Protein backbone atom coordinates (compact mmCIF):
# COMPACT_ATOMS: atom_id res chain seq x y z
CA MET A 1 0.00 0.00 0.00
CA THR A 2 1.36 3.42 -0.94
CA THR A 3 0.51 6.73 0.59
CA GLU A 4 0.21 9.83 -1.56
CA LYS A 5 2.65 12.49 -0.53
CA ILE A 6 1.02 15.79 0.31
CA ASN A 7 2.67 18.86 -1.14
CA THR A 8 2.70 21.57 1.52
CA PRO A 9 5.49 23.96 0.56
CA VAL A 10 6.68 26.62 2.94
CA PRO A 11 5.87 29.92 1.20
CA ALA A 12 8.85 31.79 -0.20
CA ASP A 13 9.74 35.10 1.43
CA ASP A 14 8.06 37.10 -1.34
CA GLU A 15 4.87 35.04 -1.00
CA ARG A 16 4.38 34.73 2.75
CA ALA A 17 1.25 36.53 3.99
CA GLY A 18 0.56 37.87 0.51
CA ASN A 19 3.75 39.93 0.25
CA PHE A 20 3.97 39.60 -3.54
CA ILE A 21 0.55 41.26 -3.81
CA ARG A 22 1.60 43.95 -1.37
CA THR A 23 4.72 44.55 -3.44
CA PHE A 24 2.57 45.26 -6.49
CA ILE A 25 0.33 47.56 -4.47
CA ASP A 26 3.30 49.41 -3.00
CA GLU A 27 4.72 49.97 -6.51
CA ASP A 28 1.35 51.28 -7.75
CA LEU A 29 1.07 53.71 -4.84
CA GLU A 30 4.67 54.90 -5.09
CA SER A 31 4.31 55.54 -8.83
CA GLY A 32 1.15 57.55 -8.22
CA HIS A 33 -0.90 55.27 -10.46
CA TYR A 34 -3.39 54.91 -7.60
CA LYS A 35 -3.91 57.37 -4.78
CA SER A 36 -5.48 54.83 -2.42
CA VAL A 37 -6.33 51.13 -2.17
CA HIS A 38 -9.84 49.83 -2.79
CA THR A 39 -10.45 46.06 -2.91
CA ARG A 40 -13.58 43.94 -3.19
CA PHE A 41 -14.83 40.46 -2.32
CA PRO A 42 -17.23 39.31 -5.10
CA PRO A 43 -18.96 36.02 -4.16
CA GLU A 44 -21.67 34.38 -6.26
CA PRO A 45 -24.83 33.87 -4.15
CA ASN A 46 -25.24 30.28 -5.35
CA GLY A 47 -24.09 28.44 -2.24
CA TYR A 48 -22.53 28.84 1.19
CA LEU A 49 -19.00 30.16 1.53
CA HIS A 50 -16.24 27.70 2.45
CA ILE A 51 -12.73 27.86 3.92
CA GLY A 52 -11.31 28.78 0.50
CA HIS A 53 -13.50 31.87 0.46
CA ALA A 54 -12.29 32.66 3.98
CA LYS A 55 -8.77 32.94 2.57
CA SER A 56 -10.00 35.45 -0.04
CA ILE A 57 -12.02 37.37 2.56
CA CYS A 58 -9.02 37.67 4.86
CA LEU A 59 -6.82 38.76 1.96
CA ASN A 60 -9.15 41.39 0.49
CA PHE A 61 -10.40 42.85 3.74
CA GLY A 62 -6.96 42.55 5.33
CA ILE A 63 -5.28 44.52 2.55
CA GLY A 64 -8.05 47.12 2.61
CA HIS A 65 -7.53 47.55 6.34
CA ASP A 66 -3.72 47.54 6.30
CA TYR A 67 -3.54 50.20 3.59
CA LYS A 68 -6.24 52.30 5.30
CA GLY A 69 -8.36 51.78 2.21
CA LEU A 70 -11.81 50.37 1.48
CA THR A 71 -13.22 46.93 0.71
CA ASN A 72 -16.55 46.29 -0.98
CA LEU A 73 -18.75 43.24 -0.61
CA ARG A 74 -20.30 42.72 -4.04
CA PHE A 75 -22.58 39.88 -5.00
CA ASP A 76 -22.03 38.56 -8.51
CA ASP A 77 -25.73 37.87 -9.07
CA THR A 78 -25.74 37.36 -12.84
CA ASN A 79 -27.12 33.80 -12.89
CA PRO A 80 -30.65 33.88 -11.45
CA VAL A 81 -31.18 30.14 -11.99
CA LYS A 82 -28.72 29.20 -9.22
CA GLU A 83 -29.04 32.16 -6.83
CA ASP A 84 -31.03 32.48 -3.63
CA VAL A 85 -31.59 35.11 -0.93
CA GLU A 86 -30.63 32.44 1.62
CA TYR A 87 -27.11 32.47 0.20
CA VAL A 88 -26.97 36.28 0.21
CA ASP A 89 -27.87 36.34 3.91
CA SER A 90 -25.44 33.56 4.82
CA ILE A 91 -22.55 35.25 3.01
CA GLN A 92 -23.08 38.51 4.90
CA GLU A 93 -23.26 36.59 8.18
CA ASP A 94 -20.03 34.71 7.39
CA VAL A 95 -18.07 37.85 6.50
CA ARG A 96 -19.16 39.58 9.71
CA TRP A 97 -18.49 36.49 11.80
CA LEU A 98 -14.93 36.39 10.47
CA GLY A 99 -14.52 39.89 11.89
CA PHE A 100 -14.81 42.10 8.81
CA GLU A 101 -17.13 44.89 7.73
CA TRP A 102 -17.60 46.11 4.17
CA HIS A 103 -17.55 49.65 2.89
CA ASP A 104 -20.86 51.55 2.71
CA LYS A 105 -23.38 48.80 1.86
CA PRO A 106 -23.51 45.44 0.10
CA TYR A 107 -23.17 45.95 -3.66
CA TYR A 108 -24.70 43.78 -6.37
CA ALA A 109 -23.78 43.24 -10.01
CA SER A 110 -27.50 43.61 -10.64
CA ASP A 111 -27.16 47.24 -9.48
CA TYR A 112 -25.35 47.79 -12.79
CA PHE A 113 -27.57 45.87 -15.21
CA ASP A 114 -28.69 49.09 -16.94
CA LYS A 115 -25.11 50.35 -17.25
CA LEU A 116 -23.88 46.96 -18.45
CA TYR A 117 -26.54 46.96 -21.15
CA GLU A 118 -25.53 50.46 -22.26
CA CYS A 119 -21.90 49.36 -22.46
CA ALA A 120 -22.90 46.36 -24.58
CA GLU A 121 -24.69 48.63 -27.05
CA GLU A 122 -21.60 50.83 -27.14
CA LEU A 123 -19.45 47.84 -28.07
CA ILE A 124 -21.90 46.94 -30.83
CA LYS A 125 -21.79 50.50 -32.19
CA LYS A 126 -17.99 50.31 -32.24
CA GLY A 127 -18.13 47.08 -34.22
CA LEU A 128 -16.65 45.17 -31.26
CA ALA A 129 -19.63 42.92 -30.48
CA TYR A 130 -22.18 40.98 -32.50
CA VAL A 131 -25.28 38.86 -32.03
CA ASP A 132 -24.58 35.21 -32.78
CA ASP A 133 -27.08 32.47 -33.67
CA LEU A 134 -24.78 29.51 -33.01
CA THR A 135 -25.94 27.05 -30.39
CA ALA A 136 -23.77 26.34 -27.34
CA ASP A 137 -22.52 23.12 -28.92
CA GLU A 138 -21.72 24.92 -32.18
CA VAL A 139 -19.85 27.66 -30.31
CA ARG A 140 -17.65 24.99 -28.71
CA GLU A 141 -17.08 23.39 -32.11
CA TYR A 142 -16.11 26.72 -33.72
CA ARG A 143 -13.84 27.73 -30.81
CA GLY A 144 -11.03 25.39 -31.77
CA THR A 145 -8.55 23.82 -29.35
CA LEU A 146 -5.37 24.76 -27.53
CA THR A 147 -3.40 23.72 -30.62
CA GLU A 148 -5.85 24.67 -33.38
CA PRO A 149 -7.34 28.13 -34.02
CA GLY A 150 -11.07 28.68 -34.00
CA LYS A 151 -13.13 29.77 -36.98
CA ASN A 152 -15.44 32.72 -37.40
CA SER A 153 -19.15 32.38 -36.82
CA PRO A 154 -21.28 32.80 -39.96
CA TRP A 155 -23.01 35.65 -38.09
CA ARG A 156 -19.84 37.50 -37.16
CA ASP A 157 -20.08 40.11 -39.91
CA ARG A 158 -23.59 41.32 -39.31
CA SER A 159 -23.93 45.07 -39.62
CA VAL A 160 -24.00 47.36 -36.61
CA GLU A 161 -27.63 48.17 -37.34
CA GLU A 162 -28.67 44.50 -37.51
CA ASN A 163 -26.77 43.69 -34.31
CA LEU A 164 -28.38 46.57 -32.43
CA ASP A 165 -31.82 45.53 -33.64
CA LEU A 166 -31.30 41.89 -32.65
CA PHE A 167 -29.79 42.76 -29.29
CA ARG A 168 -32.70 45.04 -28.43
CA ARG A 169 -35.12 42.32 -29.47
CA MET A 170 -33.20 39.89 -27.24
CA LYS A 171 -33.75 42.34 -24.40
CA ALA A 172 -37.46 42.56 -25.28
CA GLY A 173 -37.79 38.79 -24.93
CA GLU A 174 -38.56 37.92 -28.55
CA PHE A 175 -36.21 34.93 -28.73
CA PRO A 176 -36.13 31.66 -26.74
CA ASP A 177 -33.37 30.73 -24.29
CA GLY A 178 -30.16 29.67 -25.96
CA SER A 179 -31.17 30.79 -29.43
CA LYS A 180 -28.88 33.84 -29.56
CA SER A 181 -26.01 35.39 -27.62
CA LEU A 182 -24.01 38.58 -27.75
CA ARG A 183 -20.30 37.93 -28.32
CA ALA A 184 -17.26 40.17 -28.28
CA LYS A 185 -15.50 40.46 -31.65
CA ILE A 186 -11.84 39.90 -30.78
CA ASP A 187 -9.77 37.16 -32.47
CA MET A 188 -10.83 33.58 -33.21
CA ALA A 189 -7.18 32.68 -33.82
CA SER A 190 -5.92 34.00 -30.50
CA PRO A 191 -3.69 31.57 -28.59
CA ASN A 192 -5.76 32.54 -25.52
CA ILE A 193 -9.08 30.73 -25.96
CA ASN A 194 -10.75 33.28 -23.67
CA LEU A 195 -10.25 35.90 -26.39
CA ARG A 196 -11.91 33.86 -29.14
CA ASP A 197 -15.06 35.96 -29.31
CA PRO A 198 -16.26 35.26 -25.75
CA ALA A 199 -19.95 35.58 -24.87
CA LEU A 200 -21.02 38.83 -23.22
CA TYR A 201 -24.76 38.18 -22.86
CA ARG A 202 -27.04 35.14 -22.99
CA ILE A 203 -30.82 34.80 -23.03
CA ARG A 204 -32.16 33.39 -19.78
CA LYS A 205 -35.82 33.90 -19.01
CA ALA A 206 -35.61 33.44 -15.26
CA HIS A 207 -36.86 35.38 -12.26
CA HIS A 208 -34.10 37.33 -10.49
CA HIS A 209 -34.16 37.63 -6.72
CA ARG A 210 -33.61 41.41 -6.93
CA THR A 211 -34.72 42.62 -10.37
CA GLY A 212 -37.69 40.29 -10.71
CA ASP A 213 -38.74 39.74 -14.33
CA LYS A 214 -37.30 42.97 -15.72
CA TRP A 215 -34.47 41.20 -17.55
CA VAL A 216 -34.50 38.19 -19.82
CA ILE A 217 -30.88 38.61 -20.86
CA TYR A 218 -28.04 38.42 -18.36
CA PRO A 219 -24.38 39.44 -18.67
CA MET A 220 -21.54 36.94 -18.39
CA TYR A 221 -19.17 37.00 -15.43
CA ASP A 222 -15.96 38.17 -17.17
CA TYR A 223 -17.76 41.08 -18.79
CA THR A 224 -19.65 42.02 -15.62
CA HIS A 225 -16.65 41.69 -13.34
CA SER A 226 -14.43 44.21 -15.06
CA ILE A 227 -17.13 46.87 -15.47
CA SER A 228 -18.40 46.41 -11.90
CA ASP A 229 -14.87 46.86 -10.57
CA ALA A 230 -14.42 50.00 -12.66
CA ILE A 231 -17.77 51.49 -11.59
CA GLU A 232 -16.84 50.98 -7.93
CA ASN A 233 -13.35 52.49 -8.43
CA ILE A 234 -11.67 49.28 -7.35
CA SER A 235 -7.91 49.73 -7.49
CA HIS A 236 -6.81 46.09 -7.14
CA SER A 237 -9.02 43.21 -8.21
CA LEU A 238 -7.61 40.15 -6.43
CA CYS A 239 -8.65 36.88 -8.09
CA THR A 240 -7.73 33.23 -7.78
CA LEU A 241 -5.28 31.75 -10.24
CA GLU A 242 -7.85 30.25 -12.62
CA PHE A 243 -8.66 33.81 -13.72
CA GLU A 244 -5.10 34.52 -14.89
CA ASP A 245 -5.97 33.57 -18.49
CA HIS A 246 -9.10 35.74 -18.22
CA ARG A 247 -7.13 38.88 -17.35
CA PRO A 248 -6.59 39.88 -21.03
CA LEU A 249 -10.38 39.84 -21.50
CA TYR A 250 -10.85 41.82 -18.26
CA ASP A 251 -8.50 44.48 -19.63
CA TRP A 252 -9.92 44.30 -23.18
CA VAL A 253 -13.45 45.16 -22.03
CA LEU A 254 -12.33 48.35 -20.26
CA GLU A 255 -10.01 49.38 -23.08
CA ALA A 256 -12.71 48.79 -25.68
CA LEU A 257 -15.06 51.01 -23.69
CA ASP A 258 -12.36 53.71 -23.31
CA TRP A 259 -12.90 53.57 -19.56
CA PRO A 260 -11.15 56.44 -17.77
CA VAL A 261 -7.86 55.67 -16.07
CA PRO A 262 -6.77 54.54 -13.61
CA ARG A 263 -8.52 51.27 -14.29
CA PRO A 264 -8.58 48.34 -11.86
CA ARG A 265 -5.56 46.07 -11.86
CA GLN A 266 -6.28 42.34 -11.65
CA ILE A 267 -3.79 40.29 -9.62
CA GLU A 268 -4.08 36.52 -9.29
CA PHE A 269 -3.16 34.30 -6.35
CA ALA A 270 -3.39 30.55 -5.77
CA ARG A 271 -6.71 29.27 -4.47
CA LEU A 272 -6.79 27.20 -1.28
CA ASN A 273 -6.54 23.45 -1.85
CA LEU A 274 -7.04 21.86 1.56
CA GLU A 275 -6.60 18.12 1.89
CA TYR A 276 -9.49 15.86 2.95
CA THR A 277 -12.00 18.46 1.72
CA LEU A 278 -13.74 19.59 -1.46
CA MET A 279 -13.84 23.24 -2.54
CA SER A 280 -16.28 22.75 -5.40
CA LYS A 281 -19.61 24.47 -4.73
CA ARG A 282 -21.21 22.00 -7.11
CA LYS A 283 -19.95 19.03 -5.12
CA LEU A 284 -20.83 20.66 -1.81
CA LEU A 285 -24.35 21.27 -3.11
CA GLN A 286 -24.52 17.60 -4.13
CA LEU A 287 -23.52 16.55 -0.62
CA VAL A 288 -26.35 18.65 0.79
CA LYS A 289 -29.04 17.88 -1.80
CA GLU A 290 -28.42 14.11 -1.76
CA ASN A 291 -28.35 14.00 2.06
CA TYR A 292 -24.78 12.83 2.44
CA VAL A 293 -24.63 15.52 5.14
CA ASP A 294 -27.23 17.28 7.25
CA GLY A 295 -27.38 20.70 5.58
CA TRP A 296 -24.87 23.41 4.71
CA ASP A 297 -23.83 23.75 8.37
CA ASP A 298 -23.11 20.06 8.94
CA PRO A 299 -19.89 20.24 11.01
CA ARG A 300 -18.10 17.86 8.63
CA LEU A 301 -18.26 20.32 5.73
CA PRO A 302 -15.62 22.99 4.99
CA THR A 303 -18.28 25.74 4.78
CA ILE A 304 -17.80 28.66 7.12
CA ALA A 305 -21.25 27.99 8.58
CA ALA A 306 -20.23 24.39 9.29
CA LEU A 307 -16.88 25.36 10.81
CA ARG A 308 -18.70 27.88 13.02
CA ARG A 309 -21.16 25.24 14.22
CA ARG A 310 -18.37 22.74 14.77
CA GLY A 311 -16.76 25.20 17.14
CA PHE A 312 -13.95 26.79 15.12
CA THR A 313 -13.39 30.41 16.09
CA PRO A 314 -12.97 33.29 13.62
CA GLU A 315 -9.61 33.99 15.24
CA ALA A 316 -8.46 30.44 14.43
CA ILE A 317 -9.50 30.72 10.79
CA ARG A 318 -7.78 34.09 10.42
CA LEU A 319 -4.67 32.62 12.06
CA PHE A 320 -4.74 29.69 9.61
CA CYS A 321 -5.08 32.01 6.62
CA ASP A 322 -2.23 34.18 7.87
CA ARG A 323 0.06 31.19 8.41
CA ILE A 324 -0.45 29.60 4.99
CA GLY A 325 0.07 32.93 3.27
CA VAL A 326 -0.82 33.74 -0.33
CA ALA A 327 1.17 32.02 -3.06
CA LYS A 328 1.56 32.54 -6.81
CA ARG A 329 1.35 28.83 -7.57
CA ASP A 330 -1.13 26.10 -6.70
CA SER A 331 -0.31 23.68 -3.91
CA TRP A 332 -2.04 21.50 -1.35
CA ILE A 333 -2.20 22.45 2.32
CA GLU A 334 -2.23 19.71 4.92
CA TYR A 335 -5.35 19.61 7.10
CA TYR A 336 -2.93 19.55 10.02
CA TRP A 337 -2.35 23.30 9.67
CA LEU A 338 -6.04 24.10 10.07
CA GLU A 339 -6.37 21.86 13.12
CA LYS A 340 -3.20 23.30 14.63
CA ALA A 341 -4.52 26.85 14.26
CA VAL A 342 -7.70 25.82 16.06
CA ARG A 343 -5.80 24.17 18.91
CA ASP A 344 -3.41 27.10 19.25
CA ASP A 345 -6.36 29.47 19.52
CA LEU A 346 -8.46 27.36 21.93
CA ASN A 347 -5.71 26.03 24.20
CA PRO A 348 -5.14 29.17 26.32
CA GLN A 349 -8.81 30.09 26.67
CA VAL A 350 -11.03 27.03 27.19
CA LYS A 351 -11.68 25.27 30.49
CA ARG A 352 -10.53 21.69 31.12
CA VAL A 353 -13.27 19.34 32.30
CA MET A 354 -13.93 15.59 32.24
CA ALA A 355 -16.35 13.58 30.15
CA VAL A 356 -16.71 9.89 29.35
CA LEU A 357 -17.91 9.16 25.82
CA LYS A 358 -18.36 5.37 26.11
CA PRO A 359 -19.06 4.80 29.79
CA LEU A 360 -18.04 1.63 31.63
CA LYS A 361 -19.35 1.38 35.18
CA VAL A 362 -16.90 0.87 38.03
CA VAL A 363 -18.13 -0.16 41.50
CA VAL A 364 -15.64 0.82 44.21
CA GLU A 365 -16.44 -1.91 46.69
CA ASN A 366 -14.53 -0.57 49.68
CA TRP A 367 -16.22 2.83 49.46
CA PRO A 368 -19.20 3.17 51.81
CA GLU A 369 -22.62 3.13 50.14
CA GLY A 370 -24.35 6.52 50.05
CA GLU A 371 -21.18 8.43 50.96
CA THR A 372 -19.63 11.08 48.70
CA LYS A 373 -16.49 13.17 48.82
CA GLU A 374 -15.85 16.43 47.03
CA PHE A 375 -12.54 17.29 45.39
CA SER A 376 -11.43 20.60 43.91
CA ALA A 377 -10.00 20.61 40.41
CA PRO A 378 -8.63 23.56 38.43
CA TYR A 379 -10.11 24.52 35.08
CA PHE A 380 -6.57 25.32 33.93
CA PRO A 381 -4.15 22.80 35.49
CA ASP A 382 -1.09 24.58 34.13
CA GLU A 383 -2.35 27.94 35.42
CA PRO A 384 -4.18 27.18 38.69
CA ASP A 385 -4.66 30.87 39.52
CA LYS A 386 -6.32 31.68 36.21
CA MET A 387 -9.85 30.72 37.23
CA PRO A 388 -11.70 29.38 40.29
CA PHE A 389 -11.62 25.65 40.88
CA ARG A 390 -14.67 23.51 40.20
CA PRO A 391 -15.92 20.72 42.49
CA LEU A 392 -15.72 17.01 41.60
CA THR A 393 -17.76 14.44 43.50
CA PHE A 394 -16.45 10.94 44.18
CA GLU A 395 -19.03 8.19 44.72
CA ARG A 396 -19.14 4.44 45.15
CA GLU A 397 -20.09 4.07 41.48
CA ILE A 398 -18.24 5.95 38.76
CA TYR A 399 -17.83 5.75 35.00
CA ILE A 400 -14.55 5.42 33.16
CA GLU A 401 -13.91 5.33 29.40
CA ALA A 402 -14.54 1.85 28.01
CA ASP A 403 -11.38 2.21 25.92
CA ASP A 404 -9.35 2.55 29.13
CA PHE A 405 -9.96 -1.11 30.02
CA LEU A 406 -8.93 -4.35 28.31
CA LEU A 407 -9.50 -7.89 29.53
CA ASP A 408 -6.20 -9.06 28.11
CA PRO A 409 -4.09 -5.91 27.72
CA PRO A 410 -1.01 -6.06 25.48
CA LYS A 411 2.40 -5.09 26.80
CA LYS A 412 2.21 -1.42 25.82
CA PHE A 413 -1.34 -0.87 27.10
CA TYR A 414 -0.72 1.10 30.30
CA ARG A 415 -4.27 1.60 31.48
CA LEU A 416 -6.67 -0.62 33.42
CA GLY A 417 -7.01 -4.39 33.23
CA PRO A 418 -7.62 -7.28 35.63
CA GLY A 419 -5.15 -7.01 38.50
CA ARG A 420 -4.02 -3.54 37.41
CA GLU A 421 -4.16 -0.15 39.04
CA VAL A 422 -4.75 3.38 37.69
CA LEU A 423 -4.96 6.86 39.17
CA LEU A 424 -8.24 8.69 38.71
CA ARG A 425 -7.61 12.26 37.60
CA TRP A 426 -7.80 14.53 40.71
CA GLY A 427 -8.92 11.49 42.76
CA TYR A 428 -7.90 8.12 44.17
CA TYR A 429 -6.06 5.07 42.96
CA ILE A 430 -8.31 2.17 41.98
CA HIS A 431 -7.36 -1.49 41.58
CA CYS A 432 -9.45 -3.84 39.40
CA HIS A 433 -10.03 -7.26 41.00
CA ASP A 434 -13.17 -8.53 39.24
CA VAL A 435 -15.04 -8.18 35.95
CA VAL A 436 -18.77 -8.59 35.29
CA LYS A 437 -19.91 -9.74 31.83
CA ASP A 438 -23.27 -10.12 30.12
CA GLU A 439 -24.62 -13.22 28.40
CA ASN A 440 -22.65 -12.31 25.25
CA GLY A 441 -19.37 -12.09 27.11
CA GLU A 442 -19.23 -8.28 26.92
CA VAL A 443 -17.77 -6.46 29.92
CA THR A 444 -20.50 -4.43 31.62
CA GLU A 445 -19.00 -3.59 35.01
CA LEU A 446 -15.71 -3.55 36.88
CA ARG A 447 -15.26 -4.31 40.57
CA CYS A 448 -12.47 -2.28 42.12
CA THR A 449 -11.07 -1.06 45.40
CA TYR A 450 -9.63 2.38 46.06
CA SER A 451 -6.58 3.58 47.99
CA GLU A 452 -4.99 6.94 48.61
CA GLU A 453 -1.52 5.65 47.74
CA PRO A 454 -0.35 3.43 44.87
CA ARG A 455 0.00 -0.27 45.63
CA GLY A 456 2.48 -1.18 42.90
CA PHE A 457 0.07 -2.68 40.37
CA GLY A 458 0.47 0.03 37.72
CA ALA A 459 1.34 -0.96 34.15
CA GLY A 460 3.64 1.99 33.46
CA GLN A 461 7.38 2.19 33.91
CA GLY A 462 8.45 1.11 37.40
CA GLY A 463 4.92 -0.04 38.13
CA GLN A 464 3.57 3.51 38.12
CA PRO A 465 -0.14 3.70 37.35
CA ALA A 466 -1.54 5.61 34.39
CA VAL A 467 -3.87 8.56 34.92
CA ILE A 468 -7.36 8.24 33.44
CA HIS A 469 -10.45 10.47 33.48
CA TRP A 470 -13.76 9.58 35.09
CA VAL A 471 -17.13 10.96 36.20
CA PRO A 472 -19.40 10.07 39.12
CA ALA A 473 -22.27 7.79 38.08
CA ALA A 474 -25.17 9.24 40.05
CA SER A 475 -24.44 12.96 39.69
CA SER A 476 -23.01 12.94 36.16
CA ILE A 477 -24.95 14.45 33.27
CA LYS A 478 -26.11 12.24 30.43
CA ALA A 479 -25.34 13.85 27.08
CA ARG A 480 -25.21 13.23 23.35
CA VAL A 481 -21.69 13.75 22.02
CA ARG A 482 -20.80 13.71 18.34
CA VAL A 483 -17.20 13.02 17.42
CA TYR A 484 -16.50 14.62 14.05
CA ASP A 485 -13.54 13.80 11.86
CA ARG A 486 -12.45 14.43 8.28
CA LEU A 487 -15.23 13.93 5.77
CA PHE A 488 -13.04 12.12 3.24
CA LYS A 489 -10.66 9.23 3.77
CA VAL A 490 -8.33 10.23 0.93
CA PRO A 491 -6.13 13.36 1.06
CA ARG A 492 -7.15 14.68 -2.35
CA PRO A 493 -10.73 13.63 -3.08
CA LYS A 494 -11.84 13.86 -6.67
CA GLY A 495 -15.54 13.92 -5.86
CA ASP A 496 -16.48 10.21 -5.99
CA LEU A 497 -18.61 10.53 -2.88
CA LYS A 498 -19.52 6.88 -2.41
CA LYS A 499 -15.93 5.69 -2.61
CA GLU A 500 -14.06 8.56 -0.98
CA MET A 501 -16.23 9.56 1.98
CA SER A 502 -15.11 8.31 5.37
CA ALA A 503 -17.49 6.15 7.39
CA ASP A 504 -15.81 7.51 10.53
CA SER A 505 -16.47 11.18 9.78
CA LEU A 506 -19.18 11.14 12.46
CA VAL A 507 -19.31 8.83 15.48
CA GLU A 508 -22.33 9.26 17.75
CA CYS A 509 -21.90 8.76 21.49
CA PRO A 510 -25.52 8.88 22.76
CA GLU A 511 -24.72 7.58 26.26
CA ALA A 512 -21.88 9.95 27.10
CA ARG A 513 -21.55 11.24 30.64
CA LEU A 514 -20.26 14.65 31.73
CA GLU A 515 -18.96 15.89 35.06
CA PRO A 516 -21.60 17.79 37.10
CA SER A 517 -19.98 21.22 36.54
CA LEU A 518 -21.29 21.14 32.94
CA GLY A 519 -24.91 21.26 34.07
CA GLY A 520 -25.51 24.94 33.24
CA VAL A 521 -23.64 25.14 29.94
CA LYS A 522 -25.14 27.34 27.24
CA PRO A 523 -25.06 26.69 23.48
CA GLY A 524 -21.77 27.80 21.95
CA GLU A 525 -19.61 27.31 25.07
CA ARG A 526 -16.35 25.47 24.43
CA PHE A 527 -14.36 23.10 26.65
CA GLN A 528 -11.46 20.72 26.54
CA PHE A 529 -12.62 17.26 27.57
CA GLU A 530 -9.41 15.98 29.11
CA ARG A 531 -7.67 13.33 26.98
CA LEU A 532 -10.45 13.52 24.36
CA GLY A 533 -10.26 16.85 22.56
CA TYR A 534 -11.96 20.23 22.31
CA PHE A 535 -15.77 20.30 22.30
CA ILE A 536 -18.58 22.81 21.91
CA ALA A 537 -22.19 22.79 23.06
CA ASP A 538 -24.05 22.62 19.74
CA GLU A 539 -25.60 25.99 18.89
CA LYS A 540 -28.73 24.41 17.35
CA LEU A 541 -29.41 21.28 19.40
CA HIS A 542 -27.96 21.80 22.87
CA THR A 543 -30.55 22.24 25.64
CA ALA A 544 -30.58 21.67 29.38
CA GLU A 545 -32.81 18.64 28.81
CA THR A 546 -30.69 17.22 25.97
CA PRO A 547 -27.08 18.38 26.26
CA THR A 548 -25.41 17.99 22.87
CA PHE A 549 -21.71 18.50 22.22
CA ASN A 550 -19.64 18.41 19.03
CA ARG A 551 -15.96 17.60 18.95
CA ILE A 552 -14.18 20.59 17.45
CA VAL A 553 -10.80 18.95 17.07
CA SER A 554 -8.79 16.19 18.72
CA LEU A 555 -5.92 16.97 21.08
CA ARG A 556 -3.41 15.60 18.59
CA ASP A 557 -3.39 15.40 14.83
CA LYS A 558 -3.18 12.03 13.11
CA ARG A 559 -0.72 13.46 10.60
């Protein structure tokens, strides 16, 4: 069996934290080409944002802030078939949750539909655009390949007057969907396929969530993007690397329209490729629609809404984005770096408590029935003065983790077994002398005795006992705990959901038990369950009657 090596390069000095972009911006400011910096974040409202968008958000808003400039939030709402107000609302919530605020108000490409139409007519009048009757399949056939030039459409040489008439009739709704399009007249032999007479408008008779039924033709993204940036006086249009080949078209549109200078400058950076996740909105939508996951905020997904519900903090995501930097070339980032950022953020601030996910009852036979004893335990063992101590109650019956006991423990298993001894965290030593099984031979109960000093039956070096966590049986809180892990079992999933999804991405622990101090926890509170990981009280499902916790991240990465 071979393991695929993950490529996680350390960013070069000129790439770390987006320095190569900042170098370009510094040069533009020093030359006087731009007087100030104005960036934008332009999501399509056709799905929920994911961790890759978080990288772009941190970059655009971070640069706007650092240069004392402005950053716009602009929705690229040019495809009404796939857009929804739900997505618009979720995107605004995600940006704010990450700690950023946009300039003025949310902007929309649909704000500029009238201006975009006027610009299209101007291109027609200049002989730089024409109405084409080729079908989508015919357009692909005429476009050519990377090694062969395309060929002109039979409709390419229509007169200005005919093109204007047809375009206005397209706008009036006279033609069916897909029957005509408006294309730029550039160069069908260009080595850049994006310049081979790209489409500017298509007919799409669909209701728009903001403009209603006013429009039956909608502009294409590349055309809309450049003009929207120019209208908003964007200085630097930061795009992911797949738009590098589109930059000549971005510039062509503004030059063809004689747009006043300075015009926006497009700069590309590598998108985030994070292992064990998918960054395709189409695939994420499939996961949701086909019920592979429980909605867009299922904590296994890489959406910002899901990461928020899982318990990630905005500070951790910003820390992750800062650490991986912004590169000029594509690469894969190990999931380890995201988990490490979360741990580094949570470690100094969350309380340590005890919980047992798979409880195994222990009866301490030499402890008097009905008697209890209270211990004090710090929330922060390494910093005992940081917070008040919480009480722990010891009883005759307690629960330990089922995984901390084996009937026939191997040599390197240092926890509890028949004839062995362990130390209960903040409590006594217990020695196992008997095991109770059910009719199927499964262990259901341990019989132990306690002592205040070790008796030499530990399995560690020199007979020292291991330390394990526990909770009292009678006064513990029954809870539902969900242990989340990576959604895919392969580092670089290609989208074959049935083969690549991990069966262990969610493990339910419906009989978990929590220490009594967790009785008044509110949704959204985070804790470290000692030896188990970081957990959060689920923001949607946690109640006093049904405590529900999600594992945010384990204590150690399985890198």
